[in-house]
C-alpha atoms as a PDB file:
ATOM      1  CA  MET A   1      24.110-108.449   6.358  1.00  0.00           C
ATOM      2  CA  THR A   2      27.574-109.169   5.154  1.00  0.00           C
ATOM      3  CA  GLU A   3      30.650-108.290   7.045  1.00  0.00           C
ATOM      4  CA  GLN A   4      31.682-105.872   4.317  1.00  0.00           C
ATOM      5  CA  ASN A   5      28.543-103.754   4.835  1.00  0.00           C
ATOM      6  CA  GLN A   6      28.861-103.908   8.545  1.00  0.00           C
ATOM      7  CA  ASP A   7      32.382-102.615   8.403  1.00  0.00           C
ATOM      8  CA  LYS A   8      31.426 -99.522   6.206  1.00  0.00           C
ATOM      9  CA  PRO A   9      31.224 -96.399   8.365  1.00  0.00           C
ATOM     10  CA  GLN A  10      27.772 -94.841   8.792  1.00  0.00           C
ATOM     11  CA  SER A  11      29.199 -91.300   8.445  1.00  0.00           C
ATOM     12  CA  GLU A  12      29.972 -91.884   4.778  1.00  0.00           C
ATOM     13  CA  ASP A  13      26.351 -92.864   4.128  1.00  0.00           C
ATOM     14  CA  LEU A  14      25.043 -89.721   5.817  1.00  0.00           C
ATOM     15  CA  THR A  15      27.410 -87.518   3.852  1.00  0.00           C
ATOM     16  CA  ASP A  16      26.345 -89.027   0.583  1.00  0.00           C
ATOM     17  CA  ASP A  17      22.638 -88.557   1.425  1.00  0.00           C
ATOM     18  CA  ALA A  18      23.100 -84.874   2.407  1.00  0.00           C
ATOM     19  CA  ALA A  19      24.991 -84.187  -0.780  1.00  0.00           C
ATOM     20  CA  ALA A  20      22.263 -85.774  -2.817  1.00  0.00           C
ATOM     21  CA  GLN A  21      19.574 -83.760  -1.100  1.00  0.00           C
ATOM     22  CA  THR A  22      21.352 -80.387  -1.424  1.00  0.00           C
ATOM     23  CA  ALA A  23      22.383 -80.857  -5.005  1.00  0.00           C
ATOM     24  CA  ALA A  24      19.809 -78.995  -7.081  1.00  0.00           C
ATOM     25  CA  PRO A  25      19.009 -80.011 -10.579  1.00  0.00           C
ATOM     26  CA  GLU A  26      20.156 -77.690 -13.316  1.00  0.00           C
ATOM     27  CA  ASN A  27      16.601 -76.906 -14.462  1.00  0.00           C
ATOM     28  CA  ALA A  28      15.032 -76.493 -10.973  1.00  0.00           C
ATOM     29  CA  PRO A  29      13.130 -73.174 -10.508  1.00  0.00           C
ATOM     30  CA  ASP A  30      14.634 -70.444  -8.255  1.00  0.00           C
ATOM     31  CA  ASP A  31      12.221 -69.549  -5.453  1.00  0.00           C
ATOM     32  CA  ASN A  32      14.188 -66.414  -4.267  1.00  0.00           C
ATOM     33  CA  PRO A  33      12.310 -63.197  -5.330  1.00  0.00           C
ATOM     34  CA  ALA A  34      15.527 -61.188  -5.361  1.00  0.00           C
ATOM     35  CA  ASN A  35      16.909 -63.329  -8.123  1.00  0.00           C
ATOM     36  CA  ALA A  36      13.679 -63.358 -10.166  1.00  0.00           C
ATOM     37  CA  GLU A  37      13.677 -61.711 -13.579  1.00  0.00           C
ATOM     38  CA  PRO A  38      11.574 -58.388 -13.685  1.00  0.00           C
ATOM     39  CA  THR A  39       8.279 -58.753 -15.454  1.00  0.00           C
ATOM     40  CA  ILE A  40       6.576 -56.289 -17.804  1.00  0.00           C
ATOM     41  CA  GLU A  41       4.193 -55.311 -15.009  1.00  0.00           C
ATOM     42  CA  ASP A  42       7.135 -54.427 -12.764  1.00  0.00           C
ATOM     43  CA  ALA A  43       8.654 -52.265 -15.490  1.00  0.00           C
ATOM     44  CA  ILE A  44       5.319 -50.466 -16.050  1.00  0.00           C
ATOM     45  CA  ASP A  45       4.934 -49.838 -12.301  1.00  0.00           C
ATOM     46  CA  ALA A  46       8.445 -48.423 -12.131  1.00  0.00           C
ATOM     47  CA  LEU A  47       7.776 -46.101 -15.077  1.00  0.00           C
ATOM     48  CA  LEU A  48       4.490 -44.920 -13.561  1.00  0.00           C
ATOM     49  CA  LYS A  49       6.210 -44.204 -10.261  1.00  0.00           C
ATOM     50  CA  GLU A  50       8.940 -42.271 -12.043  1.00  0.00           C
ATOM     51  CA  LYS A  51       6.287 -40.363 -13.986  1.00  0.00           C
ATOM     52  CA  GLU A  52       4.517 -39.361 -10.748  1.00  0.00           C
ATOM     53  CA  GLU A  53       7.797 -38.137  -9.276  1.00  0.00           C
ATOM     54  CA  LEU A  54       8.544 -36.095 -12.398  1.00  0.00           C
ATOM     55  CA  LEU A  55       5.057 -34.588 -12.396  1.00  0.00           C
ATOM     56  CA  GLY A  56       5.531 -33.620  -8.753  1.00  0.00           C
ATOM     57  CA  ASP A  57       8.855 -31.967  -9.572  1.00  0.00           C
ATOM     58  CA  ILE A  58       7.235 -30.083 -12.465  1.00  0.00           C
ATOM     59  CA  ALA A  59       4.407 -28.863 -10.209  1.00  0.00           C
ATOM     60  CA  ASP A  60       6.955 -27.642  -7.634  1.00  0.00           C
ATOM     61  CA  MET A  61       8.925 -25.808 -10.322  1.00  0.00           C
ATOM     62  CA  LYS A  62       5.735 -24.201 -11.659  1.00  0.00           C
ATOM     63  CA  ASP A  63       4.800 -23.027  -8.156  1.00  0.00           C
ATOM     64  CA  GLN A  64       8.282 -21.596  -7.601  1.00  0.00           C
ATOM     65  CA  ASN A  65       8.144 -19.890 -11.000  1.00  0.00           C
ATOM     66  CA  LEU A  66       4.748 -18.319 -10.235  1.00  0.00           C
ATOM     67  CA  ARG A  67       6.028 -17.071  -6.889  1.00  0.00           C
ATOM     68  CA  LEU A  68       9.100 -15.606  -8.557  1.00  0.00           C
ATOM     69  CA  VAL A  69       7.003 -13.868 -11.219  1.00  0.00           C
ATOM     70  CA  ALA A  70       4.659 -12.448  -8.559  1.00  0.00           C
ATOM     71  CA  GLU A  71       7.601 -11.202  -6.491  1.00  0.00           C
ATOM     72  CA  MET A  72       9.194  -9.568  -9.545  1.00  0.00           C
ATOM     73  CA  GLU A  73       5.884  -7.882 -10.417  1.00  0.00           C
ATOM     74  CA  ASN A  74       5.509  -6.543  -6.874  1.00  0.00           C
ATOM     75  CA  THR A  75       9.081  -5.272  -6.995  1.00  0.00           C
ATOM     76  CA  ARG A  76       8.403  -3.555 -10.325  1.00  0.00           C
ATOM     77  CA  ARG A  77       5.254  -1.901  -8.964  1.00  0.00           C
ATOM     78  CA  ARG A  78       7.052  -0.702  -5.844  1.00  0.00           C
ATOM     79  CA  ALA A  79       9.844   0.729  -7.984  1.00  0.00           C
ATOM     80  CA  MET A  80       7.343   2.552 -10.190  1.00  0.00           C
ATOM     81  CA  ARG A  81       5.468   3.886  -7.171  1.00  0.00           C
ATOM     82  CA  ASP A  82       8.713   5.062  -5.563  1.00  0.00           C
ATOM     83  CA  LYS A  83       9.692   6.743  -8.821  1.00  0.00           C
ATOM     84  CA  VAL A  84       6.348   8.541  -9.091  1.00  0.00           C
ATOM     85  CA  ASP A  85       6.523   9.619  -5.439  1.00  0.00           C
ATOM     86  CA  ALA A  86      10.093  10.820  -5.889  1.00  0.00           C
ATOM     87  CA  GLU A  87       9.083  12.932  -8.882  1.00  0.00           C
ATOM     88  CA  LYS A  88       5.909  14.130  -7.225  1.00  0.00           C
ATOM     89  CA  PHE A  89       7.262  14.980  -3.792  1.00  0.00           C
ATOM     90  CA  ALA A  90      10.898  15.780  -4.551  1.00  0.00           C
ATOM     91  CA  ILE A  91      10.323  19.463  -3.777  1.00  0.00           C
ATOM     92  CA  THR A  92       8.510  18.834  -0.488  1.00  0.00           C
ATOM     93  CA  LYS A  93      11.228  20.197   1.783  1.00  0.00           C
ATOM     94  CA  PHE A  94      11.935  23.141  -0.513  1.00  0.00           C
ATOM     95  CA  ALA A  95       8.212  23.941  -0.821  1.00  0.00           C
ATOM     96  CA  ARG A  96       7.763  23.806   2.943  1.00  0.00           C
ATOM     97  CA  ASP A  97      10.568  26.336   3.361  1.00  0.00           C
ATOM     98  CA  VAL A  98       9.175  28.628   0.656  1.00  0.00           C
ATOM     99  CA  LEU A  99       5.764  28.701   2.359  1.00  0.00           C
ATOM    100  CA  THR A 100       7.185  31.118   4.918  1.00  0.00           C
ATOM    101  CA  VAL A 101       7.762  33.578   2.071  1.00  0.00           C
ATOM    102  CA  ALA A 102       4.098  33.300   1.084  1.00  0.00           C
ATOM    103  CA  ASP A 103       3.101  33.797   4.730  1.00  0.00           C
ATOM    104  CA  ASN A 104       5.160  36.999   4.989  1.00  0.00           C
ATOM    105  CA  LEU A 105       3.648  38.381   1.783  1.00  0.00           C
ATOM    106  CA  ASP A 106       0.155  37.662   3.098  1.00  0.00           C
ATOM    107  CA  ARG A 107       0.900  39.384   6.402  1.00  0.00           C
ATOM    108  CA  ALA A 108       2.384  42.399   4.638  1.00  0.00           C
ATOM    109  CA  LEU A 109      -0.759  42.864   2.533  1.00  0.00           C
ATOM    110  CA  LEU A 110      -3.068  42.350   5.523  1.00  0.00           C
ATOM    111  CA  HIS A 111      -1.494  45.344   7.221  1.00  0.00           C
ATOM    112  CA  VAL A 112      -2.419  47.606   4.303  1.00  0.00           C
ATOM    113  CA  SER A 113      -5.997  48.741   4.723  1.00  0.00           C
ATOM    114  CA  ALA A 114      -8.091  50.209   1.943  1.00  0.00           C
ATOM    115  CA  ASP A 115      -7.882  53.675   3.497  1.00  0.00           C
ATOM    116  CA  ALA A 116      -4.092  53.442   3.786  1.00  0.00           C
ATOM    117  CA  ARG A 117      -3.854  52.405   0.167  1.00  0.00           C
ATOM    118  CA  GLU A 118      -5.929  55.421  -0.952  1.00  0.00           C
ATOM    119  CA  ALA A 119      -3.875  57.796   1.140  1.00  0.00           C
ATOM    120  CA  ALA A 120      -0.519  56.408   0.007  1.00  0.00           C
ATOM    121  CA  ASP A 121       1.675  58.217  -2.458  1.00  0.00           C
ATOM    122  CA  ASP A 122       2.584  56.806  -5.837  1.00  0.00           C
ATOM    123  CA  VAL A 123       5.791  55.193  -4.609  1.00  0.00           C
ATOM    124  CA  THR A 124       4.039  53.382  -1.760  1.00  0.00           C
ATOM    125  CA  LYS A 125       1.248  52.259  -4.079  1.00  0.00           C
ATOM    126  CA  GLY A 126       3.864  50.894  -6.459  1.00  0.00           C
ATOM    127  CA  VAL A 127       5.451  48.904  -3.619  1.00  0.00           C
ATOM    128  CA  ILE A 128       2.052  47.492  -2.627  1.00  0.00           C
ATOM    129  CA  GLU A 129       1.279  46.517  -6.193  1.00  0.00           C
ATOM    130  CA  GLY A 130       4.687  44.869  -6.485  1.00  0.00           C
ATOM    131  CA  ILE A 131       4.010  42.798  -3.367  1.00  0.00           C
ATOM    132  CA  GLU A 132       0.628  41.737  -4.749  1.00  0.00           C
ATOM    133  CA  MET A 133       2.167  40.730  -8.078  1.00  0.00           C
ATOM    134  CA  THR A 134       4.861  38.727  -6.275  1.00  0.00           C
ATOM    135  CA  GLN A 135       2.201  36.981  -4.191  1.00  0.00           C
ATOM    136  CA  ARG A 136       0.131  36.071  -7.264  1.00  0.00           C
ATOM    137  CA  GLU A 137       3.196  34.807  -9.113  1.00  0.00           C
ATOM    138  CA  LEU A 138       4.245  32.714  -6.128  1.00  0.00           C
ATOM    139  CA  VAL A 139       0.797  31.155  -5.790  1.00  0.00           C
ATOM    140  CA  SER A 140       0.762  30.432  -9.530  1.00  0.00           C
ATOM    141  CA  THR A 141       4.134  28.709  -9.216  1.00  0.00           C
ATOM    142  CA  PHE A 142       2.800  26.672  -6.317  1.00  0.00           C
ATOM    143  CA  GLU A 143      -0.140  25.540  -8.414  1.00  0.00           C
ATOM    144  CA  LYS A 144       2.166  24.429 -11.227  1.00  0.00           C
ATOM    145  CA  HIS A 145       3.874  22.098  -8.773  1.00  0.00           C
ATOM    146  CA  LYS A 146       0.568  20.772  -7.360  1.00  0.00           C
ATOM    147  CA  LEU A 147       0.672  22.852  -4.186  1.00  0.00           C
ATOM    148  CA  THR A 148      -2.812  23.924  -3.125  1.00  0.00           C
ATOM    149  CA  ARG A 149      -4.025  26.007  -0.231  1.00  0.00           C
ATOM    150  CA  ILE A 150      -6.339  24.295   2.288  1.00  0.00           C
ATOM    151  CA  ASP A 151      -9.722  25.992   2.465  1.00  0.00           C
ATOM    152  CA  ALA A 152     -10.322  25.815   6.225  1.00  0.00           C
ATOM    153  CA  MET A 153     -12.553  28.791   7.056  1.00  0.00           C
ATOM    154  CA  GLY A 154     -16.034  27.661   8.110  1.00  0.00           C
ATOM    155  CA  LYS A 155     -15.181  23.999   7.660  1.00  0.00           C
ATOM    156  CA  LYS A 156     -15.506  21.325  10.312  1.00  0.00           C
ATOM    157  CA  PHE A 157     -12.291  20.860  12.260  1.00  0.00           C
ATOM    158  CA  ASP A 158     -10.308  17.994  10.759  1.00  0.00           C
ATOM    159  CA  PRO A 159      -7.239  16.852  12.724  1.00  0.00           C
ATOM    160  CA  ASN A 160      -5.797  15.457   9.498  1.00  0.00           C
ATOM    161  CA  LEU A 161      -5.750  18.938   7.919  1.00  0.00           C
ATOM    162  CA  HIS A 162      -5.998  21.431  10.786  1.00  0.00           C
ATOM    163  CA  ASN A 163      -4.037  22.202  13.908  1.00  0.00           C
ATOM    164  CA  ALA A 164      -6.171  23.849  16.612  1.00  0.00           C
ATOM    165  CA  MET A 165      -4.281  26.800  18.077  1.00  0.00           C
ATOM    166  CA  PHE A 166      -7.104  27.776  20.424  1.00  0.00           C
ATOM    167  CA  GLU A 167     -10.826  27.360  21.093  1.00  0.00           C
ATOM    168  CA  ALA A 168     -13.345  30.086  21.779  1.00  0.00           C
ATOM    169  CA  PRO A 169     -17.023  30.030  22.809  1.00  0.00           C
ATOM    170  CA  ASP A 170     -19.221  31.329  20.001  1.00  0.00           C
ATOM    171  CA  PRO A 171     -22.873  30.224  19.963  1.00  0.00           C
ATOM    172  CA  SER A 172     -23.342  31.787  16.515  1.00  0.00           C
ATOM    173  CA  LYS A 173     -20.883  29.348  14.922  1.00  0.00           C
ATOM    174  CA  PRO A 174     -21.383  25.591  14.526  1.00  0.00           C
ATOM    175  CA  ASN A 175     -19.691  23.634  17.274  1.00  0.00           C
ATOM    176  CA  GLY A 176     -16.289  22.382  16.120  1.00  0.00           C
ATOM    177  CA  SER A 177     -16.110  24.686  13.105  1.00  0.00           C
ATOM    178  CA  VAL A 178     -13.091  26.759  12.072  1.00  0.00           C
ATOM    179  CA  PHE A 179     -13.879  30.423  12.629  1.00  0.00           C
ATOM    180  CA  GLN A 180     -10.343  31.830  12.280  1.00  0.00           C
ATOM    181  CA  VAL A 181      -7.313  30.855  10.202  1.00  0.00           C
ATOM    182  CA  VAL A 182      -4.060  31.972  11.771  1.00  0.00           C
ATOM    183  CA  THR A 183      -1.799  30.396   9.122  1.00  0.00           C
ATOM    184  CA  ASP A 184      -2.903  28.766   5.896  1.00  0.00           C
ATOM    185  CA  GLY A 185      -2.367  25.079   5.408  1.00  0.00           C
ATOM    186  CA  TRP A 186      -1.086  23.560   2.183  1.00  0.00           C
ATOM    187  CA  MET A 187      -1.288  20.258   0.312  1.00  0.00           C
ATOM    188  CA  ILE A 188       1.218  18.874  -2.177  1.00  0.00           C
ATOM    189  CA  GLY A 189      -0.704  16.558  -4.464  1.00  0.00           C
ATOM    190  CA  ASP A 190      -2.799  14.407  -2.153  1.00  0.00           C
ATOM    191  CA  ARG A 191      -0.288  14.644   0.705  1.00  0.00           C
ATOM    192  CA  LEU A 192      -0.380  17.128   3.572  1.00  0.00           C
ATOM    193  CA  LEU A 193       2.475  19.619   3.338  1.00  0.00           C
ATOM    194  CA  ARG A 194       1.528  21.795   6.285  1.00  0.00           C
ATOM    195  CA  PRO A 195      -1.622  21.805   8.447  1.00  0.00           C
ATOM    196  CA  ALA A 196      -3.639  24.973   8.787  1.00  0.00           C
ATOM    197  CA  GLN A 197      -3.277  26.733  12.135  1.00  0.00           C
ATOM    198  CA  VAL A 198      -6.856  27.564  13.148  1.00  0.00           C
ATOM    199  CA  GLY A 199      -9.187  28.677  15.886  1.00  0.00           C
ATOM    200  CA  VAL A 200     -12.169  26.441  16.661  1.00  0.00           C
ATOM    201  CA  ALA A 201     -15.605  27.582  17.819  1.00  0.00           C
ATOM    202  CA  ARG A 202     -17.388  25.881  20.738  1.00  0.00           C
ATOM    203  CA  GLY A 203     -20.852  26.102  22.216  1.00  0.00           C
ATOM    204  CA  GLY A 204     -22.909  26.530  19.032  1.00  0.00           C
ATOM    205  CA  PRO A 205     -25.251  24.069  17.309  1.00  0.00           C
ATOM    206  CA  ALA A 206     -23.954  20.760  16.071  1.00  0.00           C
ATOM    207  CA  PHE A 207     -22.035  21.177  12.834  1.00  0.00           C
ATOM    208  CA  GLU A 208     -24.224  18.726  10.903  1.00  0.00           C
ATOM    209  CA  GLU A 209     -27.445  20.454  11.998  1.00  0.00           C
ATOM    210  CA  ALA A 210     -26.084  23.887  11.143  1.00  0.00           C
ATOM    211  CA  GLN A 211     -24.892  22.638   7.753  1.00  0.00           C
ATOM    212  CA  THR A 212     -28.314  21.146   6.983  1.00  0.00           C
ATOM    213  CA  ALA A 213     -30.042  24.409   7.880  1.00  0.00           C
ATOM    214  CA  THR A 214     -27.620  26.365   5.697  1.00  0.00           C
ATOM    215  CA  ASP A 215     -28.221  24.059   2.749  1.00  0.00           C
ATOM    216  CA  GLU A 216     -32.005  24.430   3.146  1.00  0.00           C
ATOM    217  CA  ASP A 217     -31.712  28.225   3.233  1.00  0.00           C
ATOM    218  CA  GLU A 218     -29.568  28.235   0.098  1.00  0.00           C
ATOM    219  CA  THR A 219     -32.046  25.963  -1.689  1.00  0.00           C
ATOM    220  CA  ALA A 220     -34.977  28.161  -0.742  1.00  0.00           C
ATOM    221  CA  THR A 221     -33.115  31.267  -1.903  1.00  0.00           C
ATOM    222  CA  ALA A 222     -32.203  29.660  -5.227  1.00  0.00           C
ATOM    223  CA  GLN A 223     -35.813  28.688  -6.039  1.00  0.00           C
ATOM    224  CA  PRO A 224     -37.648  31.363  -8.108  1.00  0.00           C
ATOM    225  CA  ASP A 225     -40.775  32.934  -6.661  1.00  0.00           C
ATOM    226  CA  ALA A 226     -44.050  31.456  -7.892  1.00  0.00           C
ATOM    227  CA  PRO A 227     -45.780  33.684 -10.430  1.00  0.00           C
ATOM    228  CA  GLU A 228     -48.724  35.596  -9.109  1.00  0.00           C
ATOM    229  CA  GLY A 229     -52.117  34.380 -10.237  1.00  0.00           C
END
């Protein structure tokens, strides 16, 4: 080894070697994935992913739209039902108040017996006939507005239609049947306007058994007698 080489510092040799190792050729491939150019497969995957997201958004919007349509339809039906009920039952309070007039007319006519009518003078008979005409006209007006009288006499007591004023033992009447109507009940359409005030019989046969026996008697009475041979 010459003196010139011996005198050259070793640090310069190391620096030159490191620089040579780190210097990359211009055409050397880049191994970093972040710097890699996207391939066709990557582009297709990205489009498919975007398509799935869009389809999900469309499905959500369809579901929201269906819910909105259903809610609007329910709202429309409720509005129509409220309108029909308002038209149908608008006179409920007024009709309930007018029922007292019908009750008073009924009571007035009940106090006029057949004998009293025959013995009455022409003026009194005219008053009675006027009351009867007013009662018929009032009932006819009720019917025009879908008000109907509840037929309670002889029927089985129904708490939805009848209000029991009292009970009385009567073995001749079916148990739980209405044997007296104190005040008529009324319906407006299919809705209860006023329950019938009734008296209920207790102590007789079961209502179903009594009804079956009555139906059998009516059937036997309706059948014609067999011709004699």
